[in-house]
All heavy atoms as atom14 arrays in JSON, in Angstrom:
{
  "sequence": "QEQCDQMIQQFAQTLSYQGMDINQYMKMSNTNLNQ",
  "atom14_mask": [
    [1, 1, 1, 1, 1, 1, 1, 1, 1, 0, 0, 0, 0, 0],
    [1, 1, 1, 1, 1, 1, 1, 1, 1, 0, 0, 0, 0, 0],
    [1, 1, 1, 1, 1, 1, 1, 1, 1, 0, 0, 0, 0, 0],
    [1, 1, 1, 1, 1, 1, 0, 0, 0, 0, 0, 0, 0, 0],
    [1, 1, 1, 1, 1, 1, 1, 1, 0, 0, 0, 0, 0, 0],
    [1, 1, 1, 1, 1, 1, 1, 1, 1, 0, 0, 0, 0, 0],
    [1, 1, 1, 1, 1, 1, 1, 1, 0, 0, 0, 0, 0, 0],
    [1, 1, 1, 1, 1, 1, 1, 1, 0, 0, 0, 0, 0, 0],
    [1, 1, 1, 1, 1, 1, 1, 1, 1, 0, 0, 0, 0, 0],
    [1, 1, 1, 1, 1, 1, 1, 1, 1, 0, 0, 0, 0, 0],
    [1, 1, 1, 1, 1, 1, 1, 1, 1, 1, 1, 0, 0, 0],
    [1, 1, 1, 1, 1, 0, 0, 0, 0, 0, 0, 0, 0, 0],
    [1, 1, 1, 1, 1, 1, 1, 1, 1, 0, 0, 0, 0, 0],
    [1, 1, 1, 1, 1, 1, 1, 0, 0, 0, 0, 0, 0, 0],
    [1, 1, 1, 1, 1, 1, 1, 1, 0, 0, 0, 0, 0, 0],
    [1, 1, 1, 1, 1, 1, 0, 0, 0, 0, 0, 0, 0, 0],
    [1, 1, 1, 1, 1, 1, 1, 1, 1, 1, 1, 1, 0, 0],
    [1, 1, 1, 1, 1, 1, 1, 1, 1, 0, 0, 0, 0, 0],
    [1, 1, 1, 1, 0, 0, 0, 0, 0, 0, 0, 0, 0, 0],
    [1, 1, 1, 1, 1, 1, 1, 1, 0, 0, 0, 0, 0, 0],
    [1, 1, 1, 1, 1, 1, 1, 1, 0, 0, 0, 0, 0, 0],
    [1, 1, 1, 1, 1, 1, 1, 1, 0, 0, 0, 0, 0, 0],
    [1, 1, 1, 1, 1, 1, 1, 1, 0, 0, 0, 0, 0, 0],
    [1, 1, 1, 1, 1, 1, 1, 1, 1, 0, 0, 0, 0, 0],
    [1, 1, 1, 1, 1, 1, 1, 1, 1, 1, 1, 1, 0, 0],
    [1, 1, 1, 1, 1, 1, 1, 1, 0, 0, 0, 0, 0, 0],
    [1, 1, 1, 1, 1, 1, 1, 1, 1, 0, 0, 0, 0, 0],
    [1, 1, 1, 1, 1, 1, 1, 1, 0, 0, 0, 0, 0, 0],
    [1, 1, 1, 1, 1, 1, 0, 0, 0, 0, 0, 0, 0, 0],
    [1, 1, 1, 1, 1, 1, 1, 1, 0, 0, 0, 0, 0, 0],
    [1, 1, 1, 1, 1, 1, 1, 0, 0, 0, 0, 0, 0, 0],
    [1, 1, 1, 1, 1, 1, 1, 1, 0, 0, 0, 0, 0, 0],
    [1, 1, 1, 1, 1, 1, 1, 1, 0, 0, 0, 0, 0, 0],
    [1, 1, 1, 1, 1, 1, 1, 1, 0, 0, 0, 0, 0, 0],
    [1, 1, 1, 1, 1, 1, 1, 1, 1, 0, 0, 0, 0, 0]
  ],
  "atom14_positions": [
    [[-22.42, -109.62, -29.56], [-23.68, -109.56, -30.35], [-24.44, -108.27, -30.08], [-25.03, -107.68, -30.99], [-24.57, -110.77, -29.97], [-24.03, -112.06, -30.49], [-23.87, -112.15, -32.01], [-24.72, -111.63, -32.75], [-22.74, -112.67, -32.45], [0.0, 0.0, 0.0], [0.0, 0.0, 0.0], [0.0, 0.0, 0.0], [0.0, 0.0, 0.0], [0.0, 0.0, 0.0]],
    [[-24.4, -107.78, -28.82], [-25.02, -106.53, -28.5], [-24.39, -105.4, -29.25], [-25.09, -104.5, -29.77], [-24.88, -106.32, -27.01], [-25.66, -105.07, -26.5], [-27.16, -105.3, -26.29], [-27.55, -106.49, -26.35], [-27.91, -104.34, -26.15], [0.0, 0.0, 0.0], [0.0, 0.0, 0.0], [0.0, 0.0, 0.0], [0.0, 0.0, 0.0], [0.0, 0.0, 0.0]],
    [[-23.07, -105.35, -29.35], [-22.36, -104.36, -30.08], [-22.66, -104.4, -31.55], [-22.84, -103.4, -32.23], [-20.85, -104.51, -29.86], [-19.99, -103.49, -30.6], [-20.1, -102.07, -30.01], [-20.41, -101.92, -28.85], [-19.95, -101.05, -30.85], [0.0, 0.0, 0.0], [0.0, 0.0, 0.0], [0.0, 0.0, 0.0], [0.0, 0.0, 0.0], [0.0, 0.0, 0.0]],
    [[-22.77, -105.61, -32.12], [-23.12, -105.85, -33.52], [-24.47, -105.2, -33.8], [-24.69, -104.5, -34.79], [-23.14, -107.29, -33.85], [-21.53, -108.08, -33.98], [0.0, 0.0, 0.0], [0.0, 0.0, 0.0], [0.0, 0.0, 0.0], [0.0, 0.0, 0.0], [0.0, 0.0, 0.0], [0.0, 0.0, 0.0], [0.0, 0.0, 0.0], [0.0, 0.0, 0.0]],
    [[-25.47, -105.51, -32.95], [-26.83, -104.96, -33.1], [-26.82, -103.44, -33.05], [-27.56, -102.78, -33.8], [-27.75, -105.6, -32.1], [-28.06, -107.05, -32.37], [-27.8, -107.53, -33.5], [-28.58, -107.75, -31.46], [0.0, 0.0, 0.0], [0.0, 0.0, 0.0], [0.0, 0.0, 0.0], [0.0, 0.0, 0.0], [0.0, 0.0, 0.0], [0.0, 0.0, 0.0]],
    [[-26.07, -102.87, -32.11], [-25.96, -101.42, -32.05], [-25.41, -100.82, -33.32], [-25.91, -99.77, -33.83], [-25.13, -101.02, -30.86], [-25.75, -101.24, -29.49], [-24.87, -100.84, -28.36], [-23.91, -100.1, -28.56], [-25.18, -101.32, -27.17], [0.0, 0.0, 0.0], [0.0, 0.0, 0.0], [0.0, 0.0, 0.0], [0.0, 0.0, 0.0], [0.0, 0.0, 0.0]],
    [[-24.35, -101.44, -33.86], [-23.8, -100.93, -35.12], [-24.79, -101.04, -36.29], [-24.87, -100.15, -37.15], [-22.51, -101.7, -35.4], [-21.38, -101.4, -34.43], [-19.94, -102.47, -34.61], [-19.37, -102.03, -36.25], [0.0, 0.0, 0.0], [0.0, 0.0, 0.0], [0.0, 0.0, 0.0], [0.0, 0.0, 0.0], [0.0, 0.0, 0.0], [0.0, 0.0, 0.0]],
    [[-25.54, -102.13, -36.34], [-26.52, -102.32, -37.41], [-27.66, -101.26, -37.25], [-28.12, -100.7, -38.22], [-27.08, -103.75, -37.4], [-25.99, -104.72, -37.81], [-28.29, -103.85, -38.35], [-26.34, -106.2, -37.68], [0.0, 0.0, 0.0], [0.0, 0.0, 0.0], [0.0, 0.0, 0.0], [0.0, 0.0, 0.0], [0.0, 0.0, 0.0], [0.0, 0.0, 0.0]],
    [[-28.04, -101.02, -36.02], [-29.01, -99.94, -35.8], [-28.53, -98.55, -36.25], [-29.31, -97.78, -36.83], [-29.41, -99.87, -34.28], [-30.24, -101.06, -33.82], [-30.46, -101.06, -32.31], [-30.08, -100.13, -31.6], [-31.04, -102.14, -31.81], [0.0, 0.0, 0.0], [0.0, 0.0, 0.0], [0.0, 0.0, 0.0], [0.0, 0.0, 0.0], [0.0, 0.0, 0.0]],
    [[-27.26, -98.27, -35.96], [-26.67, -97.01, -36.42], [-26.66, -96.96, -37.95], [-26.93, -95.91, -38.56], [-25.3, -96.87, -35.81], [-25.26, -96.64, -34.33], [-23.86, -96.79, -33.77], [-22.89, -97.17, -34.46], [-23.7, -96.58, -32.46], [0.0, 0.0, 0.0], [0.0, 0.0, 0.0], [0.0, 0.0, 0.0], [0.0, 0.0, 0.0], [0.0, 0.0, 0.0]],
    [[-26.32, -98.1, -38.56], [-26.27, -98.17, -40.02], [-27.69, -97.94, -40.6], [-27.88, -97.25, -41.62], [-25.72, -99.52, -40.46], [-25.67, -99.69, -41.98], [-24.96, -98.82, -42.78], [-26.32, -100.77, -42.54], [-24.91, -98.99, -44.14], [-26.31, -100.97, -43.92], [-25.56, -100.08, -44.75], [0.0, 0.0, 0.0], [0.0, 0.0, 0.0], [0.0, 0.0, 0.0]],
    [[-28.68, -98.56, -39.95], [-30.08, -98.41, -40.4], [-30.51, -96.99, -40.32], [-31.25, -96.48, -41.23], [-30.99, -99.34, -39.56], [0.0, 0.0, 0.0], [0.0, 0.0, 0.0], [0.0, 0.0, 0.0], [0.0, 0.0, 0.0], [0.0, 0.0, 0.0], [0.0, 0.0, 0.0], [0.0, 0.0, 0.0], [0.0, 0.0, 0.0], [0.0, 0.0, 0.0]],
    [[-30.07, -96.27, -39.25], [-30.45, -94.89, -39.09], [-29.81, -94.06, -40.22], [-30.4, -93.13, -40.75], [-29.99, -94.37, -37.72], [-30.48, -92.99, -37.39], [-30.17, -92.6, -35.94], [-29.13, -92.94, -35.39], [-31.05, -91.87, -35.31], [0.0, 0.0, 0.0], [0.0, 0.0, 0.0], [0.0, 0.0, 0.0], [0.0, 0.0, 0.0], [0.0, 0.0, 0.0]],
    [[-28.53, -94.36, -40.52], [-27.85, -93.61, -41.64], [-28.58, -93.86, -42.95], [-28.79, -92.91, -43.72], [-26.42, -94.15, -41.76], [-25.75, -93.9, -40.54], [-25.69, -93.41, -42.86], [0.0, 0.0, 0.0], [0.0, 0.0, 0.0], [0.0, 0.0, 0.0], [0.0, 0.0, 0.0], [0.0, 0.0, 0.0], [0.0, 0.0, 0.0], [0.0, 0.0, 0.0]],
    [[-29.05, -95.08, -43.15], [-29.79, -95.38, -44.42], [-31.06, -94.59, -44.45], [-31.5, -94.15, -45.52], [-30.09, -96.89, -44.47], [-28.93, -97.84, -44.81], [-29.41, -99.3, -44.73], [-28.37, -97.55, -46.19], [0.0, 0.0, 0.0], [0.0, 0.0, 0.0], [0.0, 0.0, 0.0], [0.0, 0.0, 0.0], [0.0, 0.0, 0.0], [0.0, 0.0, 0.0]],
    [[-31.73, -94.49, -43.28], [-33.03, -93.78, -43.25], [-32.86, -92.35, -43.64], [-33.75, -91.72, -44.23], [-33.66, -93.9, -41.84], [-32.9, -93.1, -40.9], [0.0, 0.0, 0.0], [0.0, 0.0, 0.0], [0.0, 0.0, 0.0], [0.0, 0.0, 0.0], [0.0, 0.0, 0.0], [0.0, 0.0, 0.0], [0.0, 0.0, 0.0], [0.0, 0.0, 0.0]],
    [[-31.69, -91.74, -43.29], [-31.44, -90.35, -43.73], [-31.32, -90.25, -45.25], [-31.53, -89.17, -45.81], [-30.15, -89.83, -43.09], [-30.2, -89.73, -41.57], [-29.05, -89.9, -40.77], [-31.37, -89.42, -40.91], [-29.06, -89.83, -39.39], [-31.4, -89.34, -39.49], [-30.27, -89.51, -38.8], [-30.3, -89.41, -37.43], [0.0, 0.0, 0.0], [0.0, 0.0, 0.0]],
    [[-30.96, -91.38, -45.86], [-30.83, -91.38, -47.33], [-32.1, -91.86, -48.01], [-32.11, -92.11, -49.23], [-29.67, -92.33, -47.73], [-28.31, -91.84, -47.13], [-27.21, -92.89, -47.27], [-27.44, -94.0, -47.81], [-26.03, -92.6, -46.78], [0.0, 0.0, 0.0], [0.0, 0.0, 0.0], [0.0, 0.0, 0.0], [0.0, 0.0, 0.0], [0.0, 0.0, 0.0]],
    [[-33.16, -92.03, -47.2], [-34.43, -92.44, -47.78], [-34.56, -93.94, -48.04], [-35.4, -94.33, -48.9], [0.0, 0.0, 0.0], [0.0, 0.0, 0.0], [0.0, 0.0, 0.0], [0.0, 0.0, 0.0], [0.0, 0.0, 0.0], [0.0, 0.0, 0.0], [0.0, 0.0, 0.0], [0.0, 0.0, 0.0], [0.0, 0.0, 0.0], [0.0, 0.0, 0.0]],
    [[-33.73, -94.75, -47.4], [-33.76, -96.2, -47.61], [-34.01, -96.94, -46.31], [-33.5, -96.57, -45.31], [-32.46, -96.68, -48.29], [-32.45, -98.14, -48.63], [-30.86, -98.75, -49.33], [-30.87, -97.9, -50.91], [0.0, 0.0, 0.0], [0.0, 0.0, 0.0], [0.0, 0.0, 0.0], [0.0, 0.0, 0.0], [0.0, 0.0, 0.0], [0.0, 0.0, 0.0]],
    [[-34.79, -97.96, -46.43], [-35.07, -98.87, -45.27], [-34.01, -99.96, -45.28], [-33.56, -100.44, -46.33], [-36.43, -99.45, -45.39], [-36.78, -100.38, -44.27], [-37.16, -99.89, -43.2], [-36.63, -101.58, -44.46], [0.0, 0.0, 0.0], [0.0, 0.0, 0.0], [0.0, 0.0, 0.0], [0.0, 0.0, 0.0], [0.0, 0.0, 0.0], [0.0, 0.0, 0.0]],
    [[-33.62, -100.42, -44.09], [-32.56, -101.46, -44.04], [-33.02, -102.75, -44.71], [-32.2, -103.55, -45.28], [-32.11, -101.71, -42.6], [-30.85, -102.58, -42.58], [-33.23, -102.37, -41.77], [-30.08, -102.58, -41.3], [0.0, 0.0, 0.0], [0.0, 0.0, 0.0], [0.0, 0.0, 0.0], [0.0, 0.0, 0.0], [0.0, 0.0, 0.0], [0.0, 0.0, 0.0]],
    [[-34.37, -103.04, -44.64], [-34.85, -104.26, -45.36], [-34.68, -104.11, -46.85], [-34.35, -105.12, -47.56], [-36.33, -104.44, -44.98], [-36.5, -104.82, -43.54], [-35.74, -105.63, -42.99], [-37.51, -104.23, -42.92], [0.0, 0.0, 0.0], [0.0, 0.0, 0.0], [0.0, 0.0, 0.0], [0.0, 0.0, 0.0], [0.0, 0.0, 0.0], [0.0, 0.0, 0.0]],
    [[-34.84, -102.87, -47.38], [-34.6, -102.66, -48.81], [-33.13, -102.91, -49.1], [-32.76, -103.49, -50.15], [-34.98, -101.23, -49.2], [-36.46, -100.95, -49.15], [-36.77, -99.47, -49.37], [-36.18, -98.58, -48.77], [-37.64, -99.17, -50.33], [0.0, 0.0, 0.0], [0.0, 0.0, 0.0], [0.0, 0.0, 0.0], [0.0, 0.0, 0.0], [0.0, 0.0, 0.0]],
    [[-32.26, -102.39, -48.21], [-30.83, -102.53, -48.45], [-30.46, -104.0, -48.45], [-29.67, -104.44, -49.35], [-30.06, -101.84, -47.28], [-28.57, -102.15, -47.3], [-27.67, -101.49, -48.14], [-28.05, -103.17, -46.45], [-26.35, -101.82, -48.14], [-26.74, -103.47, -46.44], [-25.88, -102.81, -47.34], [-24.53, -103.13, -47.32], [0.0, 0.0, 0.0], [0.0, 0.0, 0.0]],
    [[-30.98, -104.78, -47.48], [-30.63, -106.19, -47.48], [-31.09, -106.91, -48.73], [-30.41, -107.85, -49.21], [-31.21, -106.86, -46.19], [-30.52, -106.44, -44.92], [-31.0, -107.4, -43.45], [-32.66, -106.82, -43.19], [0.0, 0.0, 0.0], [0.0, 0.0, 0.0], [0.0, 0.0, 0.0], [0.0, 0.0, 0.0], [0.0, 0.0, 0.0], [0.0, 0.0, 0.0]],
    [[-32.28, -106.52, -49.25], [-32.77, -107.15, -50.45], [-31.89, -106.78, -51.64], [-31.51, -107.66, -52.44], [-34.19, -106.69, -50.71], [-34.9, -107.46, -51.87], [-36.35, -107.11, -51.92], [-37.03, -107.92, -53.01], [-38.52, -107.65, -53.11], [0.0, 0.0, 0.0], [0.0, 0.0, 0.0], [0.0, 0.0, 0.0], [0.0, 0.0, 0.0], [0.0, 0.0, 0.0]],
    [[-31.53, -105.51, -51.72], [-30.64, -105.06, -52.88], [-29.25, -105.64, -52.8], [-28.67, -105.92, -53.83], [-30.57, -103.54, -52.87], [-31.82, -102.81, -53.3], [-31.64, -101.01, -53.14], [-30.25, -100.71, -54.24], [0.0, 0.0, 0.0], [0.0, 0.0, 0.0], [0.0, 0.0, 0.0], [0.0, 0.0, 0.0], [0.0, 0.0, 0.0], [0.0, 0.0, 0.0]],
    [[-28.75, -105.79, -51.55], [-27.35, -106.29, -51.42], [-27.35, -107.86, -51.24], [-26.26, -108.39, -50.99], [-26.68, -105.63, -50.22], [-27.39, -105.89, -49.0], [0.0, 0.0, 0.0], [0.0, 0.0, 0.0], [0.0, 0.0, 0.0], [0.0, 0.0, 0.0], [0.0, 0.0, 0.0], [0.0, 0.0, 0.0], [0.0, 0.0, 0.0], [0.0, 0.0, 0.0]],
    [[-28.51, -108.42, -51.36], [-28.54, -109.89, -51.28], [-27.98, -110.42, -49.99], [-27.07, -111.28, -50.0], [-27.87, -110.54, -52.47], [-28.07, -112.01, -52.57], [-29.14, -112.51, -52.18], [-27.08, -112.69, -53.08], [0.0, 0.0, 0.0], [0.0, 0.0, 0.0], [0.0, 0.0, 0.0], [0.0, 0.0, 0.0], [0.0, 0.0, 0.0], [0.0, 0.0, 0.0]],
    [[-28.43, -109.89, -48.85], [-27.9, -110.29, -47.55], [-29.08, -110.41, -46.55], [-30.19, -110.0, -46.87], [-26.84, -109.32, -47.08], [-26.2, -109.86, -45.92], [-27.41, -107.99, -46.76], [0.0, 0.0, 0.0], [0.0, 0.0, 0.0], [0.0, 0.0, 0.0], [0.0, 0.0, 0.0], [0.0, 0.0, 0.0], [0.0, 0.0, 0.0], [0.0, 0.0, 0.0]],
    [[-28.78, -110.82, -45.35], [-29.81, -110.94, -44.28], [-29.18, -110.4, -43.0], [-27.97, -110.09, -42.91], [-30.39, -112.34, -44.16], [-29.35, -113.37, -43.83], [-28.46, -113.19, -43.02], [-29.4, -114.49, -44.56], [0.0, 0.0, 0.0], [0.0, 0.0, 0.0], [0.0, 0.0, 0.0], [0.0, 0.0, 0.0], [0.0, 0.0, 0.0], [0.0, 0.0, 0.0]],
    [[-30.0, -110.37, -41.91], [-29.56, -109.8, -40.68], [-28.39, -110.57, -40.05], [-27.43, -110.0, -39.57], [-30.74, -109.76, -39.68], [-30.6, -108.87, -38.46], [-30.27, -107.42, -38.86], [-31.82, -108.88, -37.62], [0.0, 0.0, 0.0], [0.0, 0.0, 0.0], [0.0, 0.0, 0.0], [0.0, 0.0, 0.0], [0.0, 0.0, 0.0], [0.0, 0.0, 0.0]],
    [[-28.43, -111.92, -40.12], [-27.35, -112.71, -39.59], [-26.04, -112.5, -40.36], [-24.96, -112.45, -39.76], [-27.74, -114.21, -39.61], [-28.76, -114.57, -38.56], [-28.83, -113.88, -37.5], [-29.6, -115.57, -38.81], [0.0, 0.0, 0.0], [0.0, 0.0, 0.0], [0.0, 0.0, 0.0], [0.0, 0.0, 0.0], [0.0, 0.0, 0.0], [0.0, 0.0, 0.0]],
    [[-26.14, -112.32, -41.67], [-24.96, -112.03, -42.44], [-24.4, -110.66, -42.13], [-23.18, -110.5, -42.08], [-25.29, -112.16, -43.95], [-25.54, -113.59, -44.38], [-26.04, -113.64, -45.84], [-26.85, -112.78, -46.29], [-25.64, -114.64, -46.57], [0.0, 0.0, 0.0], [0.0, 0.0, 0.0], [0.0, 0.0, 0.0], [0.0, 0.0, 0.0], [0.0, 0.0, 0.0]]
  ]
}
């Protein structure tokens, strides 16, 4: 779970470079943090 969270944090950082928030991504992709 710790590794999963680190990977999601890295993904969120990548999204931020593209001007997108991870919450926006989850809404657009119809998913949530657990998924």
